[in-house]
Amino acid sequence: MDDGASQINEGTSAVDSGWDELTAGATELDDGASQINEGTSAVDSGWDELTAGATELNDGAFQINDGTSAVDSGWGELTDGATGCRYCNRG
């Protein structure tokens, strides 16, 4: 988000996205992956997964947006060895 705070999407879908700031030390989404939102809004979110101990985004883009819009976001994880994706939402 554009306020510089670490954010997660606590909602159950893009329609009910429930953006909230992480509390101090909180690093996980429901799937257990440490993630931050590098985008500027819920529509331009650009999820990436952090490597262990990382303090900046891992540009390997382990997370992609399988959907076509914020309404149909379908976040999924790239399989090991994947080097790119057609629908990466890079923020």
C-alpha atoms as a PDB file:
ATOM      1  CA  MET A   1       0.000   0.000   0.000  1.00  0.00           C
ATOM      2  CA  ASP A   2       1.130   3.530  -0.482  1.00  0.00           C
ATOM      3  CA  ASP A   3       1.359   4.368   3.232  1.00  0.00           C
ATOM      4  CA  GLY A   4       4.521   2.292   3.538  1.00  0.00           C
ATOM      5  CA  ALA A   5       3.054  -0.073   6.118  1.00  0.00           C
ATOM      6  CA  SER A   6       3.367  -3.820   5.774  1.00  0.00           C
ATOM      7  CA  GLN A   7      -0.013  -5.125   4.735  1.00  0.00           C
ATOM      8  CA  ILE A   8      -1.795  -8.430   4.440  1.00  0.00           C
ATOM      9  CA  ASN A   9      -5.115  -9.390   2.947  1.00  0.00           C
ATOM     10  CA  GLU A  10      -7.084 -11.016   5.755  1.00  0.00           C
ATOM     11  CA  GLY A  11     -10.224 -11.480   3.694  1.00  0.00           C
ATOM     12  CA  THR A  12     -11.552 -14.584   2.019  1.00  0.00           C
ATOM     13  CA  SER A  13     -11.762 -13.175  -1.483  1.00  0.00           C
ATOM     14  CA  ALA A  14     -10.819 -10.111  -3.462  1.00  0.00           C
ATOM     15  CA  VAL A  15     -14.383  -8.893  -3.037  1.00  0.00           C
ATOM     16  CA  ASP A  16     -13.946  -9.154   0.747  1.00  0.00           C
ATOM     17  CA  SER A  17     -10.281  -8.317   0.904  1.00  0.00           C
ATOM     18  CA  GLY A  18     -10.046  -6.810   4.392  1.00  0.00           C
ATOM     19  CA  TRP A  19      -6.713  -5.022   4.075  1.00  0.00           C
ATOM     20  CA  ASP A  20      -5.061  -4.602   7.448  1.00  0.00           C
ATOM     21  CA  GLU A  21      -1.643  -3.536   8.605  1.00  0.00           C
ATOM     22  CA  LEU A  22       0.574  -6.186  10.111  1.00  0.00           C
ATOM     23  CA  THR A  23       1.183  -5.834  13.815  1.00  0.00           C
ATOM     24  CA  ALA A  24       4.799  -5.719  14.932  1.00  0.00           C
ATOM     25  CA  GLY A  25       6.463  -9.034  14.161  1.00  0.00           C
ATOM     26  CA  ALA A  26       3.515 -10.468  12.250  1.00  0.00           C
ATOM     27  CA  THR A  27       4.691 -11.931   8.969  1.00  0.00           C
ATOM     28  CA  GLU A  28       2.277 -14.604   7.849  1.00  0.00           C
ATOM     29  CA  LEU A  29      -0.815 -14.985   5.730  1.00  0.00           C
ATOM     30  CA  ASP A  30      -3.223 -17.843   6.360  1.00  0.00           C
ATOM     31  CA  ASP A  31      -1.139 -20.175   4.178  1.00  0.00           C
ATOM     32  CA  GLY A  32       1.890 -19.609   6.399  1.00  0.00           C
ATOM     33  CA  ALA A  33       3.939 -17.798   3.758  1.00  0.00           C
ATOM     34  CA  SER A  34       5.654 -14.598   4.798  1.00  0.00           C
ATOM     35  CA  GLN A  35       4.342 -12.030   2.388  1.00  0.00           C
ATOM     36  CA  ILE A  36       4.020  -8.345   1.804  1.00  0.00           C
ATOM     37  CA  ASN A  37       2.102  -6.274  -0.685  1.00  0.00           C
ATOM     38  CA  GLU A  38       4.399  -4.199  -2.874  1.00  0.00           C
ATOM     39  CA  GLY A  39       1.542  -2.537  -4.735  1.00  0.00           C
ATOM     40  CA  THR A  40      -0.212   0.731  -4.173  1.00  0.00           C
ATOM     41  CA  SER A  41      -3.784  -0.449  -3.691  1.00  0.00           C
ATOM     42  CA  ALA A  42      -5.921  -3.556  -3.381  1.00  0.00           C
ATOM     43  CA  VAL A  43      -6.421  -3.417  -7.134  1.00  0.00           C
ATOM     44  CA  ASP A  44      -2.664  -3.124  -7.783  1.00  0.00           C
ATOM     45  CA  SER A  45      -1.367  -5.506  -5.194  1.00  0.00           C
ATOM     46  CA  GLY A  46       1.634  -7.417  -6.574  1.00  0.00           C
ATOM     47  CA  TRP A  47       2.100 -10.137  -3.953  1.00  0.00           C
ATOM     48  CA  ASP A  48       5.593 -11.571  -3.565  1.00  0.00           C
ATOM     49  CA  GLU A  49       6.839 -14.062  -1.011  1.00  0.00           C
ATOM     50  CA  LEU A  50       9.708 -13.212   1.312  1.00  0.00           C
ATOM     51  CA  THR A  51      12.604 -15.608   1.729  1.00  0.00           C
ATOM     52  CA  ALA A  52      13.527 -16.613   5.263  1.00  0.00           C
ATOM     53  CA  GLY A  53      15.029 -13.676   7.087  1.00  0.00           C
ATOM     54  CA  ALA A  54      14.592 -11.345   4.126  1.00  0.00           C
ATOM     55  CA  THR A  55      13.918  -7.692   4.748  1.00  0.00           C
ATOM     56  CA  GLU A  56      13.014  -6.857   1.167  1.00  0.00           C
ATOM     57  CA  LEU A  57      10.842  -8.506  -1.461  1.00  0.00           C
ATOM     58  CA  ASN A  58      12.155 -11.538  -3.267  1.00  0.00           C
ATOM     59  CA  ASP A  59      11.904 -10.553  -6.917  1.00  0.00           C
ATOM     60  CA  GLY A  60      11.524 -14.219  -7.870  1.00  0.00           C
ATOM     61  CA  ALA A  61       7.771 -13.584  -7.714  1.00  0.00           C
ATOM     62  CA  PHE A  62       6.769 -16.815  -6.037  1.00  0.00           C
ATOM     63  CA  GLN A  63       3.214 -15.550  -5.845  1.00  0.00           C
ATOM     64  CA  ILE A  64       1.123 -14.743  -8.884  1.00  0.00           C
ATOM     65  CA  ASN A  65      -2.379 -13.522  -9.481  1.00  0.00           C
ATOM     66  CA  ASP A  66      -4.106 -16.275 -11.454  1.00  0.00           C
ATOM     67  CA  GLY A  67      -7.162 -14.128 -12.027  1.00  0.00           C
ATOM     68  CA  THR A  68      -7.847 -11.277 -14.350  1.00  0.00           C
ATOM     69  CA  SER A  69      -8.932  -8.562 -11.933  1.00  0.00           C
ATOM     70  CA  ALA A  70      -9.223  -7.692  -8.265  1.00  0.00           C
ATOM     71  CA  VAL A  71     -12.703  -9.205  -8.343  1.00  0.00           C
ATOM     72  CA  ASP A  72     -11.324 -12.506  -9.673  1.00  0.00           C
ATOM     73  CA  SER A  73      -7.896 -12.599  -8.123  1.00  0.00           C
ATOM     74  CA  GLY A  74      -7.294 -16.322  -7.513  1.00  0.00           C
ATOM     75  CA  TRP A  75      -3.901 -15.949  -5.844  1.00  0.00           C
ATOM     76  CA  GLY A  76      -1.743 -19.012  -6.414  1.00  0.00           C
ATOM     77  CA  GLU A  77       1.842 -20.063  -5.852  1.00  0.00           C
ATOM     78  CA  LEU A  78       4.260 -20.791  -8.666  1.00  0.00           C
ATOM     79  CA  THR A  79       5.625 -24.309  -8.807  1.00  0.00           C
ATOM     80  CA  ASP A  80       9.317 -24.848  -8.122  1.00  0.00           C
ATOM     81  CA  GLY A  81      11.459 -23.960 -11.088  1.00  0.00           C
ATOM     82  CA  ALA A  82       8.924 -21.658 -12.707  1.00  0.00           C
ATOM     83  CA  THR A  83      10.682 -18.657 -14.154  1.00  0.00           C
ATOM     84  CA  GLY A  84       7.823 -16.458 -15.247  1.00  0.00           C
ATOM     85  CA  CYS A  85       4.092 -16.137 -15.516  1.00  0.00           C
ATOM     86  CA  ARG A  86       1.672 -14.520 -17.883  1.00  0.00           C
ATOM     87  CA  TYR A  87      -0.531 -13.033 -15.212  1.00  0.00           C
ATOM     88  CA  CYS A  88       1.972 -11.828 -12.633  1.00  0.00           C
ATOM     89  CA  ASN A  89       0.550  -8.836 -10.809  1.00  0.00           C
ATOM     90  CA  ARG A  90       3.683  -6.825 -10.168  1.00  0.00           C
ATOM     91  CA  GLY A  91       2.033  -3.782  -8.637  1.00  0.00           C
END
